[in-house]
Amino acid sequence: MITPKRILAPTDFSIITVPAVGYALSFARELGAEVTVLHALPTEVMKEQFMNQYAAGDLAAAAAAPVGLTRQPDLEGIFERKKQVLHTFLEQRISSDLLRGSKGKSCHQDR
């Protein structure tokens, strides 16, 4: 039998994903595996939240725009804010016992 060393648990912060994340953490604890919780966003949400803030129009328009006219996103700031939102979600929705006993990391951290 294959024993997983890493488990990916995606969530969109909806209530329906809470049991899946909890199960992934519980399963990982039993196996001594690492869990990566991934916050997944629909493409339309990404477009609304990020693209309109940093480029005029779509990616093609941003690529064609003269240098200096498009504002570059603060990726580190975005990752840090998303990391905090993810941690808040986990603390509010997942049993503290499961969180304490798990080996996990945020989806964007470097290896």
N, C-alpha and C. Protein backbone atom coordinates (compact mmCIF):
# COMPACT_ATOMS: atom_id res chain seq x y z
N MET A 1 0.84 -1.19 0.00
CA MET A 1 0.00 0.00 0.00
C MET A 1 0.88 1.25 0.00
N ILE A 2 0.47 2.24 -0.76
CA ILE A 2 1.20 3.51 -0.81
C ILE A 2 0.73 4.39 0.34
N THR A 3 1.69 4.98 1.05
CA THR A 3 1.37 5.90 2.14
C THR A 3 1.74 7.31 1.69
N PRO A 4 0.75 8.18 1.58
CA PRO A 4 1.04 9.54 1.14
C PRO A 4 1.89 10.30 2.16
N LYS A 5 2.79 11.12 1.66
CA LYS A 5 3.62 11.97 2.50
C LYS A 5 3.09 13.39 2.52
N ARG A 6 2.36 13.76 1.47
CA ARG A 6 1.79 15.10 1.35
C ARG A 6 0.35 14.99 0.89
N ILE A 7 -0.51 15.84 1.46
CA ILE A 7 -1.93 15.86 1.11
C ILE A 7 -2.31 17.29 0.76
N LEU A 8 -3.00 17.46 -0.36
CA LEU A 8 -3.49 18.77 -0.78
C LEU A 8 -4.97 18.88 -0.42
N ALA A 9 -5.32 19.94 0.30
CA ALA A 9 -6.71 20.15 0.72
C ALA A 9 -7.18 21.51 0.19
N PRO A 10 -7.86 21.54 -0.96
CA PRO A 10 -8.32 22.81 -1.50
C PRO A 10 -9.57 23.31 -0.78
N THR A 11 -9.72 24.63 -0.71
CA THR A 11 -10.91 25.24 -0.13
C THR A 11 -11.20 26.55 -0.85
N ASP A 12 -12.48 26.88 -0.93
CA ASP A 12 -12.88 28.19 -1.43
C ASP A 12 -13.53 28.98 -0.29
N PHE A 13 -13.31 28.52 0.92
CA PHE A 13 -13.84 29.07 2.17
C PHE A 13 -15.33 28.82 2.34
N SER A 14 -15.94 28.02 1.47
CA SER A 14 -17.35 27.70 1.65
C SER A 14 -17.48 26.66 2.76
N ILE A 15 -18.64 26.62 3.35
CA ILE A 15 -18.90 25.72 4.48
C ILE A 15 -18.78 24.25 4.03
N ILE A 16 -19.03 23.99 2.78
CA ILE A 16 -18.97 22.61 2.29
C ILE A 16 -17.54 22.06 2.27
N THR A 17 -16.53 22.92 2.23
CA THR A 17 -15.15 22.45 2.19
C THR A 17 -14.56 22.19 3.58
N VAL A 18 -15.24 22.65 4.61
CA VAL A 18 -14.71 22.49 5.98
C VAL A 18 -14.51 21.02 6.34
N PRO A 19 -15.49 20.15 6.12
CA PRO A 19 -15.25 18.74 6.46
C PRO A 19 -14.11 18.12 5.66
N ALA A 20 -13.95 18.52 4.40
CA ALA A 20 -12.87 17.96 3.58
C ALA A 20 -11.51 18.38 4.13
N VAL A 21 -11.36 19.63 4.52
CA VAL A 21 -10.10 20.09 5.10
C VAL A 21 -9.85 19.38 6.43
N GLY A 22 -10.89 19.27 7.24
CA GLY A 22 -10.77 18.56 8.52
C GLY A 22 -10.37 17.11 8.32
N TYR A 23 -10.97 16.46 7.33
CA TYR A 23 -10.62 15.07 7.05
C TYR A 23 -9.17 14.96 6.59
N ALA A 24 -8.74 15.87 5.74
CA ALA A 24 -7.36 15.85 5.26
C ALA A 24 -6.39 15.99 6.42
N LEU A 25 -6.69 16.89 7.35
CA LEU A 25 -5.83 17.08 8.52
C LEU A 25 -5.81 15.83 9.41
N SER A 26 -6.98 15.24 9.62
CA SER A 26 -7.08 14.04 10.44
C SER A 26 -6.33 12.86 9.79
N PHE A 27 -6.52 12.69 8.51
CA PHE A 27 -5.86 11.62 7.77
C PHE A 27 -4.35 11.82 7.79
N ALA A 28 -3.91 13.06 7.61
CA ALA A 28 -2.48 13.37 7.62
C ALA A 28 -1.87 13.09 8.99
N ARG A 29 -2.60 13.39 10.03
CA ARG A 29 -2.10 13.13 11.38
C ARG A 29 -1.85 11.64 11.58
N GLU A 30 -2.79 10.82 11.12
CA GLU A 30 -2.64 9.37 11.26
C GLU A 30 -1.43 8.84 10.48
N LEU A 31 -1.16 9.46 9.33
CA LEU A 31 -0.09 8.98 8.45
C LEU A 31 1.24 9.68 8.69
N GLY A 32 1.23 10.75 9.49
CA GLY A 32 2.44 11.54 9.65
C GLY A 32 2.77 12.33 8.40
N ALA A 33 1.74 12.68 7.64
CA ALA A 33 1.92 13.39 6.37
C ALA A 33 1.79 14.90 6.58
N GLU A 34 2.23 15.65 5.58
CA GLU A 34 2.13 17.11 5.58
C GLU A 34 0.90 17.51 4.78
N VAL A 35 0.19 18.52 5.26
CA VAL A 35 -1.00 19.02 4.56
C VAL A 35 -0.71 20.41 4.02
N THR A 36 -1.07 20.62 2.76
CA THR A 36 -1.04 21.94 2.16
C THR A 36 -2.49 22.32 1.91
N VAL A 37 -2.94 23.41 2.54
CA VAL A 37 -4.29 23.91 2.31
C VAL A 37 -4.19 24.99 1.24
N LEU A 38 -4.91 24.78 0.16
CA LEU A 38 -4.86 25.66 -0.99
C LEU A 38 -6.17 26.43 -1.10
N HIS A 39 -6.08 27.76 -1.11
CA HIS A 39 -7.27 28.58 -1.32
C HIS A 39 -7.48 28.73 -2.81
N ALA A 40 -8.56 28.16 -3.31
CA ALA A 40 -8.87 28.20 -4.74
C ALA A 40 -9.91 29.29 -5.01
N LEU A 41 -9.66 30.09 -6.02
CA LEU A 41 -10.58 31.14 -6.43
C LEU A 41 -11.06 30.88 -7.85
N PRO A 42 -12.35 31.10 -8.12
CA PRO A 42 -12.82 31.01 -9.50
C PRO A 42 -12.13 32.06 -10.37
N THR A 43 -11.95 31.75 -11.64
CA THR A 43 -11.26 32.66 -12.55
C THR A 43 -11.90 34.04 -12.56
N GLU A 44 -13.21 34.10 -12.55
CA GLU A 44 -13.90 35.40 -12.60
C GLU A 44 -13.57 36.25 -11.37
N VAL A 45 -13.46 35.62 -10.22
CA VAL A 45 -13.11 36.35 -9.00
C VAL A 45 -11.70 36.90 -9.11
N MET A 46 -10.79 36.08 -9.63
CA MET A 46 -9.41 36.54 -9.81
C MET A 46 -9.37 37.76 -10.73
N LYS A 47 -10.11 37.68 -11.82
CA LYS A 47 -10.14 38.80 -12.75
C LYS A 47 -10.64 40.07 -12.07
N GLU A 48 -11.74 39.93 -11.33
CA GLU A 48 -12.33 41.09 -10.66
C GLU A 48 -11.41 41.66 -9.58
N GLN A 49 -10.83 40.80 -8.76
CA GLN A 49 -10.05 41.26 -7.61
C GLN A 49 -8.67 41.77 -7.98
N PHE A 50 -8.03 41.19 -8.98
CA PHE A 50 -6.64 41.51 -9.23
C PHE A 50 -6.38 42.20 -10.56
N MET A 51 -6.87 41.65 -11.62
CA MET A 51 -6.51 42.16 -12.94
C MET A 51 -6.97 43.59 -13.15
N ASN A 52 -8.18 43.91 -12.75
CA ASN A 52 -8.68 45.26 -12.96
C ASN A 52 -7.93 46.29 -12.12
N GLN A 53 -7.30 45.85 -11.04
CA GLN A 53 -6.56 46.77 -10.19
C GLN A 53 -5.18 47.10 -10.75
N TYR A 54 -4.64 46.21 -11.58
CA TYR A 54 -3.25 46.35 -11.96
C TYR A 54 -3.01 46.59 -13.45
N ALA A 55 -4.00 46.37 -14.28
CA ALA A 55 -3.79 46.57 -15.72
C ALA A 55 -5.08 47.11 -16.33
N ALA A 56 -4.94 47.94 -17.33
CA ALA A 56 -6.10 48.46 -18.04
C ALA A 56 -6.59 47.36 -18.99
N GLY A 57 -7.70 46.72 -18.64
CA GLY A 57 -8.25 45.68 -19.49
C GLY A 57 -7.66 44.32 -19.19
N ASP A 58 -7.51 43.53 -20.27
CA ASP A 58 -7.03 42.16 -20.07
C ASP A 58 -5.52 42.08 -20.14
N LEU A 59 -4.99 40.87 -20.10
CA LEU A 59 -3.54 40.68 -20.12
C LEU A 59 -2.92 41.19 -21.42
N ALA A 60 -3.62 41.05 -22.52
CA ALA A 60 -3.09 41.53 -23.79
C ALA A 60 -2.92 43.04 -23.76
N ALA A 61 -3.89 43.73 -23.17
CA ALA A 61 -3.79 45.19 -23.06
C ALA A 61 -2.63 45.57 -22.16
N ALA A 62 -2.44 44.82 -21.08
CA ALA A 62 -1.34 45.12 -20.16
C ALA A 62 0.00 44.89 -20.84
N ALA A 63 0.10 43.84 -21.64
CA ALA A 63 1.36 43.55 -22.32
C ALA A 63 1.66 44.59 -23.40
N ALA A 64 0.61 45.14 -24.02
CA ALA A 64 0.80 46.12 -25.09
C ALA A 64 1.02 47.54 -24.56
N ALA A 65 0.69 47.77 -23.29
CA ALA A 65 0.80 49.12 -22.73
C ALA A 65 2.27 49.51 -22.59
N PRO A 66 2.56 50.78 -22.80
CA PRO A 66 3.94 51.24 -22.62
C PRO A 66 4.42 51.00 -21.19
N VAL A 67 5.70 50.78 -21.04
CA VAL A 67 6.29 50.53 -19.72
C VAL A 67 6.00 51.71 -18.81
N GLY A 68 5.60 51.43 -17.61
CA GLY A 68 5.33 52.48 -16.62
C GLY A 68 3.88 52.86 -16.53
N LEU A 69 3.04 52.44 -17.49
CA LEU A 69 1.63 52.82 -17.44
C LEU A 69 0.77 51.81 -16.71
N THR A 70 1.27 50.61 -16.50
CA THR A 70 0.52 49.63 -15.72
C THR A 70 1.17 49.50 -14.37
N ARG A 71 0.35 49.40 -13.36
CA ARG A 71 0.85 49.25 -12.00
C ARG A 71 1.07 47.77 -11.73
N GLN A 72 2.23 47.42 -11.21
CA GLN A 72 2.56 46.03 -10.92
C GLN A 72 1.97 45.63 -9.57
N PRO A 73 1.43 44.43 -9.48
CA PRO A 73 0.86 43.99 -8.21
C PRO A 73 1.96 43.74 -7.16
N ASP A 74 1.62 43.99 -5.93
CA ASP A 74 2.50 43.69 -4.80
C ASP A 74 2.24 42.24 -4.42
N LEU A 75 2.92 41.31 -5.10
CA LEU A 75 2.64 39.89 -4.90
C LEU A 75 2.89 39.44 -3.47
N GLU A 76 3.97 39.92 -2.87
CA GLU A 76 4.24 39.54 -1.48
C GLU A 76 3.12 40.00 -0.56
N GLY A 77 2.63 41.21 -0.79
CA GLY A 77 1.52 41.73 0.02
C GLY A 77 0.25 40.93 -0.18
N ILE A 78 -0.03 40.57 -1.44
CA ILE A 78 -1.21 39.76 -1.74
C ILE A 78 -1.09 38.40 -1.08
N PHE A 79 0.08 37.75 -1.20
CA PHE A 79 0.28 36.44 -0.58
C PHE A 79 0.13 36.52 0.93
N GLU A 80 0.69 37.55 1.52
CA GLU A 80 0.62 37.69 2.98
C GLU A 80 -0.83 37.88 3.44
N ARG A 81 -1.59 38.72 2.73
CA ARG A 81 -3.00 38.91 3.09
C ARG A 81 -3.79 37.62 2.92
N LYS A 82 -3.56 36.91 1.81
CA LYS A 82 -4.26 35.65 1.59
C LYS A 82 -3.87 34.61 2.65
N LYS A 83 -2.62 34.60 3.05
CA LYS A 83 -2.16 33.68 4.08
C LYS A 83 -2.89 33.95 5.39
N GLN A 84 -3.04 35.22 5.75
CA GLN A 84 -3.75 35.58 6.98
C GLN A 84 -5.22 35.18 6.90
N VAL A 85 -5.85 35.38 5.74
CA VAL A 85 -7.26 34.98 5.56
C VAL A 85 -7.39 33.48 5.70
N LEU A 86 -6.46 32.73 5.13
CA LEU A 86 -6.48 31.27 5.22
C LEU A 86 -6.31 30.81 6.66
N HIS A 87 -5.36 31.41 7.38
CA HIS A 87 -5.17 31.04 8.78
C HIS A 87 -6.41 31.35 9.62
N THR A 88 -7.05 32.48 9.37
CA THR A 88 -8.27 32.84 10.08
C THR A 88 -9.37 31.82 9.80
N PHE A 89 -9.51 31.44 8.52
CA PHE A 89 -10.50 30.43 8.15
C PHE A 89 -10.26 29.13 8.91
N LEU A 90 -9.01 28.67 8.93
CA LEU A 90 -8.68 27.42 9.62
C LEU A 90 -8.95 27.52 11.11
N GLU A 91 -8.55 28.63 11.73
CA GLU A 91 -8.76 28.79 13.18
C GLU A 91 -10.23 28.85 13.54
N GLN A 92 -11.06 29.44 12.68
CA GLN A 92 -12.48 29.58 12.97
C GLN A 92 -13.28 28.32 12.67
N ARG A 93 -12.84 27.55 11.68
CA ARG A 93 -13.67 26.44 11.20
C ARG A 93 -13.16 25.04 11.53
N ILE A 94 -11.89 24.92 11.85
CA ILE A 94 -11.30 23.59 12.07
C ILE A 94 -10.96 23.43 13.55
N SER A 95 -11.20 22.26 14.06
CA SER A 95 -10.92 21.95 15.46
C SER A 95 -9.47 22.29 15.81
N SER A 96 -9.29 22.96 16.93
CA SER A 96 -7.94 23.33 17.35
C SER A 96 -7.08 22.08 17.60
N ASP A 97 -7.70 20.97 18.00
CA ASP A 97 -6.96 19.72 18.19
C ASP A 97 -6.35 19.25 16.87
N LEU A 98 -7.12 19.34 15.80
CA LEU A 98 -6.60 18.93 14.49
C LEU A 98 -5.48 19.85 14.03
N LEU A 99 -5.65 21.14 14.26
CA LEU A 99 -4.63 22.09 13.82
C LEU A 99 -3.34 21.92 14.60
N ARG A 100 -3.44 21.68 15.90
CA ARG A 100 -2.24 21.52 16.73
C ARG A 100 -1.42 20.32 16.33
N GLY A 101 -2.09 19.25 15.96
CA GLY A 101 -1.37 18.00 15.70
C GLY A 101 -0.96 17.80 14.26
N SER A 102 -1.12 18.82 13.43
CA SER A 102 -0.82 18.60 12.01
C SER A 102 0.45 19.32 11.58
N LYS A 103 1.08 18.72 10.59
CA LYS A 103 2.21 19.37 9.92
C LYS A 103 1.63 19.99 8.67
N GLY A 104 1.68 21.29 8.57
CA GLY A 104 1.08 21.93 7.40
C GLY A 104 1.82 23.18 7.00
N LYS A 105 1.42 23.69 5.85
CA LYS A 105 2.02 24.93 5.37
C LYS A 105 1.03 25.61 4.45
N SER A 106 1.27 26.87 4.19
CA SER A 106 0.46 27.62 3.25
C SER A 106 0.86 27.26 1.83
N CYS A 107 -0.06 27.45 0.92
CA CYS A 107 0.16 26.99 -0.45
C CYS A 107 1.21 27.77 -1.19
N HIS A 108 1.55 28.97 -0.77
CA HIS A 108 2.46 29.77 -1.58
C HIS A 108 3.89 29.80 -1.03
N GLN A 109 4.16 29.15 0.06
CA GLN A 109 5.50 29.21 0.62
C GLN A 109 6.50 28.47 -0.25
N ASP A 110 7.71 28.98 -0.29
CA ASP A 110 8.77 28.33 -1.04
C ASP A 110 9.21 27.07 -0.32
N ARG A 111 9.68 26.12 -1.08
CA ARG A 111 10.19 24.89 -0.49
C ARG A 111 11.66 25.01 -0.27
